[in-house]
Amino acid sequence: MKCTKKKQVKKKTMEIFLAKTQGFCAGVASAIDIVELALKTYGTPLYVYHDIVHNTSVVDDMKKRGVVFVEDLKDIPHGSRIIFSAHGIPPNLIDEAKERRLKYVDATCPLVTKVHKEAVKFSAQNVDTVLIGHLGHQELIGTSGYVHPDLLHIIENENDVEKLNLDPTQPIAYITQTTLSVDETKSIIEKLKSRFPKLIAPLRSDICYATQNRQDAVKELASFCDIIIICGSPHSSNSNRLRETGEQMGVTSYIVDTAEELDCSVLKSKLKVGLSSGASVPRYLVDEIIDKIKTVAPDAIVHEFSNPEKNIVFPVLQFKE
């Protein structure tokens, strides 16, 4: 009897595709640079109001170097140095900082400041203003302070549009949190338009370029990947929107804060892995996830693309003495 050699089936190689946008966006990079410069120039004690950015690793690293994060200015000794986070703050906190003779720098992202200016403009025109965002998020709290209380109406979703008790014959303005889902916000705005024909939009979309770019990049990954991993902290709005974007495209998507949280069993039988990260995630955390994936797929091929944001830089502000 003639024996035939069994044909070996070549194992297919896993491919890891990195989203085009990786590392800090310009607003996050500027805020972190302000803290680094303050540490180098003044040392500690140095205070920061709220997490400077929504990333656990970044904040924990700063805590180890003596930065103190607070949620109430009363917890800061008079005359101390403080940095206000990238998410923005209501104007009354600036007044309180001055009263306590605090040396401060406002590290609010310029794109958030743009929304604040829109809010002030609409209130000056005595126009009811609908603020779309997530209740409790620091950016929403900050932006709310720039709208006259009698004119402010906060909504989170399409159902909330139906609850608005406003005159549909009058002009109504809207502004949004900068880190929302592009698609979800679009549907909310369409519903607002249907209810309020005289709806006034901002001159330009309030959703920031970094949020838009990252969501577009995840959509691109979802068009050909088997699974999507998002590196981002659970309290990061823009990171959570990325996971939701992948899911909405029909691709199983996970969010992990660090490589330690990644359960590699979810990669079983997956050949095309999409990897993206939130706007406040340092690049080294993404690299650590790649290294962990390679512990189960050592031959994995990594594909990286040019970052469209690489030349966008915001200025580093100085303390007001």
Protein backbone atom coordinates (compact mmCIF):
# COMPACT_ATOMS: atom_id res chain seq x y z
CA MET A 1 0.00 0.00 0.00
CA LYS A 2 1.41 3.37 -1.05
CA CYS A 3 1.47 6.03 1.66
CA THR A 4 0.79 9.62 0.74
CA LYS A 5 2.25 12.55 2.66
CA LYS A 6 -0.41 14.58 4.43
CA LYS A 7 -0.58 18.10 3.03
CA GLN A 8 0.21 20.70 5.68
CA VAL A 9 -2.14 23.65 5.95
CA LYS A 10 -0.21 26.86 6.32
CA LYS A 11 -1.36 28.86 9.33
CA LYS A 12 -2.56 32.32 8.40
CA THR A 13 -0.76 35.28 9.96
CA MET A 14 -2.57 37.78 12.17
CA GLU A 15 -2.45 41.41 11.06
CA ILE A 16 -2.78 44.39 13.42
CA PHE A 17 -4.04 47.59 11.85
CA LEU A 18 -3.44 50.80 13.82
CA ALA A 19 -5.95 53.61 13.33
CA LYS A 20 -4.52 56.67 11.58
CA THR A 21 -4.91 58.74 14.73
CA GLN A 22 -2.73 57.69 17.66
CA GLY A 23 -1.35 59.51 20.69
CA PHE A 24 -2.49 62.79 22.23
CA CYS A 25 -4.61 65.28 20.34
CA ALA A 26 -3.32 68.87 20.37
CA GLY A 27 -5.59 69.97 23.24
CA VAL A 28 -4.51 67.09 25.48
CA ALA A 29 -0.84 67.53 24.57
CA SER A 30 -1.00 71.23 25.43
CA ALA A 31 -2.64 70.59 28.83
CA ILE A 32 -0.08 67.92 29.75
CA ASP A 33 2.79 70.15 28.61
CA ILE A 34 1.49 72.88 30.93
CA VAL A 35 1.66 70.52 33.90
CA GLU A 36 5.13 69.30 32.92
CA LEU A 37 6.41 72.86 32.52
CA ALA A 38 4.91 73.89 35.88
CA LEU A 39 6.55 70.92 37.62
CA LYS A 40 9.89 71.74 36.06
CA THR A 41 9.67 75.48 36.78
CA TYR A 42 7.94 75.62 40.15
CA GLY A 43 8.07 72.11 41.57
CA THR A 44 5.48 70.98 44.08
CA PRO A 45 2.99 71.56 45.60
CA LEU A 46 1.12 71.87 42.31
CA TYR A 47 -2.65 71.50 42.13
CA VAL A 48 -4.88 70.50 39.23
CA TYR A 49 -8.65 70.97 39.21
CA HIS A 50 -10.22 67.68 38.09
CA ASP A 51 -8.18 65.13 36.10
CA ILE A 52 -6.05 67.13 33.68
CA VAL A 53 -7.21 64.69 30.98
CA HIS A 54 -9.33 61.54 31.24
CA ASN A 55 -6.60 58.92 31.25
CA THR A 56 -5.80 56.85 34.32
CA SER A 57 -2.12 56.26 33.48
CA VAL A 58 -1.41 59.95 32.82
CA VAL A 59 -3.06 61.06 36.06
CA ASP A 60 -1.45 58.31 38.17
CA ASP A 61 1.99 59.26 36.84
CA MET A 62 1.45 62.89 37.82
CA LYS A 63 0.23 61.91 41.28
CA LYS A 64 3.46 59.95 41.81
CA ARG A 65 5.41 63.13 41.07
CA GLY A 66 3.52 65.23 43.59
CA VAL A 67 0.64 66.71 41.61
CA VAL A 68 -2.51 67.00 43.73
CA PHE A 69 -5.88 66.67 41.98
CA VAL A 70 -8.85 68.38 43.59
CA GLU A 71 -12.56 68.82 42.90
CA ASP A 72 -13.02 71.85 45.14
CA LEU A 73 -10.88 75.01 45.21
CA LYS A 74 -11.48 75.22 48.96
CA ASP A 75 -9.11 72.26 49.30
CA ILE A 76 -6.24 74.41 48.01
CA PRO A 77 -4.27 76.77 50.29
CA HIS A 78 -4.50 80.47 49.44
CA GLY A 79 -1.81 81.62 47.02
CA SER A 80 -1.10 78.15 45.59
CA ARG A 81 -0.56 77.25 41.93
CA ILE A 82 -3.37 75.47 40.12
CA ILE A 83 -4.07 74.28 36.60
CA PHE A 84 -7.62 73.97 35.29
CA SER A 85 -8.15 70.81 33.23
CA ALA A 86 -8.49 70.54 29.44
CA HIS A 87 -12.24 69.90 29.76
CA GLY A 88 -13.05 73.47 30.71
CA ILE A 89 -14.54 75.08 33.80
CA PRO A 90 -17.49 77.38 34.52
CA PRO A 91 -16.52 81.08 34.81
CA ASN A 92 -17.35 81.24 38.52
CA LEU A 93 -14.28 79.09 39.24
CA ILE A 94 -12.01 81.73 37.72
CA ASP A 95 -13.62 84.30 40.03
CA GLU A 96 -13.13 81.99 43.01
CA ALA A 97 -9.49 81.40 42.06
CA LYS A 98 -8.89 85.16 42.02
CA GLU A 99 -10.59 85.56 45.40
CA ARG A 100 -8.27 82.91 46.87
CA ARG A 101 -5.27 84.62 45.23
CA LEU A 102 -4.43 81.42 43.35
CA LYS A 103 -1.78 81.51 40.65
CA TYR A 104 -3.56 79.70 37.86
CA VAL A 105 -3.45 78.70 34.23
CA ASP A 106 -6.57 77.65 32.37
CA ALA A 107 -5.61 74.63 30.24
CA THR A 108 -9.05 74.40 28.62
CA CYS A 109 -8.79 73.03 25.09
CA PRO A 110 -9.22 75.89 22.58
CA LEU A 111 -11.96 73.91 20.84
CA VAL A 112 -13.91 73.77 24.11
CA THR A 113 -13.32 77.50 24.57
CA LYS A 114 -14.92 78.00 21.14
CA VAL A 115 -18.10 76.38 22.46
CA HIS A 116 -17.98 78.62 25.55
CA LYS A 117 -17.88 81.70 23.31
CA GLU A 118 -20.88 80.44 21.35
CA ALA A 119 -22.78 79.93 24.60
CA VAL A 120 -22.02 83.49 25.72
CA LYS A 121 -23.10 84.86 22.33
CA PHE A 122 -26.45 83.06 22.35
CA SER A 123 -27.19 84.17 25.92
CA ALA A 124 -26.32 87.77 25.03
CA GLN A 125 -28.96 87.50 22.28
CA ASN A 126 -31.45 86.11 24.83
CA VAL A 127 -31.84 82.90 22.84
CA ASP A 128 -32.85 79.63 24.51
CA THR A 129 -29.89 77.28 24.11
CA VAL A 130 -30.00 73.49 23.98
CA LEU A 131 -26.76 71.91 25.21
CA ILE A 132 -26.24 68.35 23.95
CA GLY A 133 -23.94 66.26 26.13
CA HIS A 134 -23.48 63.72 28.90
CA LEU A 135 -24.79 64.76 32.31
CA GLY A 136 -22.02 64.87 34.90
CA HIS A 137 -19.19 65.12 32.39
CA GLN A 138 -16.72 67.84 33.33
CA GLU A 139 -16.92 69.53 29.94
CA LEU A 140 -20.70 69.76 30.13
CA ILE A 141 -20.48 71.24 33.63
CA GLY A 142 -18.01 73.85 32.41
CA THR A 143 -19.98 74.82 29.30
CA SER A 144 -23.23 75.07 31.27
CA GLY A 145 -21.72 77.94 33.24
CA TYR A 146 -21.49 80.09 30.11
CA VAL A 147 -25.23 79.89 29.35
CA HIS A 148 -27.68 82.06 31.30
CA PRO A 149 -29.52 79.67 33.68
CA ASP A 150 -32.95 80.74 32.39
CA LEU A 151 -31.91 79.92 28.81
CA LEU A 152 -30.14 76.61 29.39
CA HIS A 153 -31.70 73.27 28.37
CA ILE A 154 -29.52 70.14 28.62
CA ILE A 155 -30.35 67.00 26.65
CA GLU A 156 -28.55 63.67 26.19
CA ASN A 157 -30.51 61.84 23.50
CA GLU A 158 -33.39 61.97 21.01
CA ASN A 159 -35.98 61.17 23.68
CA ASP A 160 -34.97 64.30 25.57
CA VAL A 161 -35.84 66.42 22.52
CA GLU A 162 -39.50 65.51 22.98
CA LYS A 163 -39.38 66.73 26.58
CA LEU A 164 -38.23 70.25 25.69
CA ASN A 165 -40.90 72.76 26.65
CA LEU A 166 -39.96 75.52 24.23
CA ASP A 167 -41.89 77.67 21.77
CA PRO A 168 -41.36 76.20 18.28
CA THR A 169 -42.10 79.56 16.67
CA GLN A 170 -39.09 81.19 18.35
CA PRO A 171 -35.38 80.92 17.51
CA ILE A 172 -33.68 78.12 19.46
CA ALA A 173 -29.89 77.62 19.44
CA TYR A 174 -27.89 74.48 20.13
CA ILE A 175 -24.31 73.69 21.14
CA THR A 176 -22.67 70.35 21.92
CA GLN A 177 -20.04 68.67 24.02
CA THR A 178 -16.96 68.28 21.81
CA THR A 179 -16.42 64.55 22.43
CA LEU A 180 -19.77 63.12 21.35
CA SER A 181 -20.54 60.49 18.75
CA VAL A 182 -20.79 62.20 15.37
CA ASP A 183 -23.59 59.94 14.13
CA GLU A 184 -25.65 60.02 17.32
CA THR A 185 -25.36 63.81 17.59
CA LYS A 186 -26.44 64.18 13.96
CA SER A 187 -29.69 62.31 14.65
CA ILE A 188 -30.38 64.43 17.75
CA ILE A 189 -29.84 67.64 15.76
CA GLU A 190 -32.14 66.39 12.98
CA LYS A 191 -34.86 65.81 15.55
CA LEU A 192 -34.31 69.30 17.00
CA LYS A 193 -34.69 70.76 13.49
CA SER A 194 -37.96 68.93 12.98
CA ARG A 195 -39.38 70.32 16.23
CA PHE A 196 -37.89 73.81 16.03
CA PRO A 197 -37.84 75.17 12.46
CA LYS A 198 -35.88 78.28 13.53
CA LEU A 199 -33.05 76.23 15.07
CA ILE A 200 -29.71 78.10 15.09
CA ALA A 201 -26.56 76.05 14.61
CA PRO A 202 -23.00 77.00 15.58
CA LEU A 203 -20.96 78.47 12.72
CA ARG A 204 -18.92 75.24 12.71
CA SER A 205 -19.56 71.84 14.26
CA ASP A 206 -18.76 71.75 17.97
CA ILE A 207 -17.48 68.16 17.78
CA CYS A 208 -13.71 68.57 17.68
CA TYR A 209 -11.50 67.48 14.80
CA ALA A 210 -9.76 64.87 17.00
CA THR A 211 -13.06 63.23 17.93
CA GLN A 212 -14.20 63.29 14.30
CA ASN A 213 -10.89 61.92 12.99
CA ARG A 214 -10.80 59.08 15.50
CA GLN A 215 -14.38 58.02 14.83
CA ASP A 216 -13.75 58.10 11.07
CA ALA A 217 -10.60 56.01 11.57
CA VAL A 218 -12.53 53.38 13.55
CA LYS A 219 -15.18 53.23 10.82
CA GLU A 220 -12.39 52.58 8.34
CA LEU A 221 -10.98 49.79 10.50
CA ALA A 222 -14.44 48.29 10.94
CA SER A 223 -14.83 47.97 7.18
CA PHE A 224 -12.26 45.16 7.04
CA CYS A 225 -11.24 44.08 10.59
CA ASP A 226 -12.60 41.08 12.55
CA ILE A 227 -12.35 42.81 15.92
CA ILE A 228 -11.53 46.28 17.27
CA ILE A 229 -9.64 47.09 20.44
CA ILE A 230 -9.88 50.63 21.82
CA CYS A 231 -7.25 51.80 24.28
CA GLY A 232 -8.87 54.30 26.62
CA SER A 233 -10.00 54.88 30.19
CA PRO A 234 -13.58 53.97 31.17
CA HIS A 235 -14.37 57.59 32.14
CA SER A 236 -13.13 58.98 28.80
CA SER A 237 -16.09 60.12 26.70
CA ASN A 238 -14.28 60.11 23.36
CA SER A 239 -12.78 56.65 24.01
CA ASN A 240 -16.18 55.16 24.81
CA ARG A 241 -17.63 56.71 21.67
CA LEU A 242 -14.92 54.90 19.65
CA ARG A 243 -15.96 51.52 21.04
CA GLU A 244 -19.60 52.35 20.29
CA THR A 245 -18.65 53.37 16.74
CA GLY A 246 -17.06 49.97 16.12
CA GLU A 247 -20.06 48.15 17.54
CA GLN A 248 -22.46 50.21 15.44
CA MET A 249 -20.49 49.15 12.36
CA GLY A 250 -21.19 45.52 13.29
CA VAL A 251 -17.70 44.65 14.58
CA THR A 252 -17.12 43.28 18.10
CA SER A 253 -15.28 46.05 19.94
CA TYR A 254 -13.63 46.27 23.36
CA ILE A 255 -12.22 49.13 25.44
CA VAL A 256 -9.24 48.55 27.73
CA ASP A 257 -7.39 51.04 29.90
CA THR A 258 -4.04 49.24 29.64
CA ALA A 259 -2.55 46.09 28.14
CA GLU A 260 -3.12 44.29 31.45
CA GLU A 261 -6.88 44.51 30.91
CA LEU A 262 -6.77 42.88 27.48
CA ASP A 263 -8.04 39.29 27.56
CA CYS A 264 -6.22 37.76 24.60
CA SER A 265 -8.77 34.96 24.38
CA VAL A 266 -11.03 37.39 22.48
CA LEU A 267 -8.47 37.32 19.68
CA LYS A 268 -8.93 33.61 19.01
CA SER A 269 -9.51 32.94 15.30
CA LYS A 270 -9.18 36.67 14.56
CA LEU A 271 -6.85 37.53 11.66
CA LYS A 272 -7.41 41.27 11.23
CA VAL A 273 -7.27 43.21 14.49
CA GLY A 274 -8.06 46.93 14.49
CA LEU A 275 -6.41 48.98 17.24
CA SER A 276 -7.34 52.56 18.08
CA SER A 277 -7.04 54.86 21.08
CA GLY A 278 -8.72 57.86 22.66
CA ALA A 279 -7.42 61.41 22.30
CA SER A 280 -5.97 61.40 25.84
CA VAL A 281 -4.08 58.10 25.52
CA PRO A 282 -0.25 58.18 25.43
CA ARG A 283 1.22 56.23 22.53
CA TYR A 284 3.24 53.91 24.77
CA LEU A 285 0.01 52.30 26.04
CA VAL A 286 -0.90 51.35 22.47
CA ASP A 287 2.56 49.88 21.95
CA GLU A 288 2.15 47.80 25.12
CA ILE A 289 -1.10 46.37 23.76
CA ILE A 290 0.67 45.43 20.55
CA ASP A 291 3.37 43.68 22.59
CA LYS A 292 0.74 41.75 24.53
CA ILE A 293 -1.04 40.64 21.35
CA LYS A 294 2.30 39.40 20.07
CA THR A 295 2.63 37.08 23.08
CA VAL A 296 -0.15 34.99 21.51
CA ALA A 297 0.60 35.89 17.89
CA PRO A 298 4.37 36.47 17.71
CA ASP A 299 4.36 36.62 13.90
CA ALA A 300 1.64 39.28 13.76
CA ILE A 301 2.24 41.98 11.17
CA VAL A 302 1.64 45.57 12.32
CA HIS A 303 0.33 48.12 9.81
CA GLU A 304 0.67 51.80 10.68
CA PHE A 305 -0.47 54.83 8.72
CA SER A 306 0.41 58.53 8.64
CA ASN A 307 -1.32 60.54 11.39
CA PRO A 308 -3.31 63.47 9.90
CA GLU A 309 -2.95 65.42 13.17
CA LYS A 310 0.85 65.30 13.45
CA ASN A 311 1.32 68.99 12.60
CA ILE A 312 -1.50 70.39 14.77
CA VAL A 313 -0.14 72.09 17.90
CA PHE A 314 -1.81 74.37 20.47
CA PRO A 315 0.19 76.90 22.53
CA VAL A 316 1.32 76.24 26.09
CA LEU A 317 -0.07 78.96 28.37
CA GLN A 318 1.72 80.55 31.32
CA PHE A 319 0.59 81.06 34.90
CA LYS A 320 -1.21 84.24 35.91
CA GLU A 321 0.88 85.47 38.82
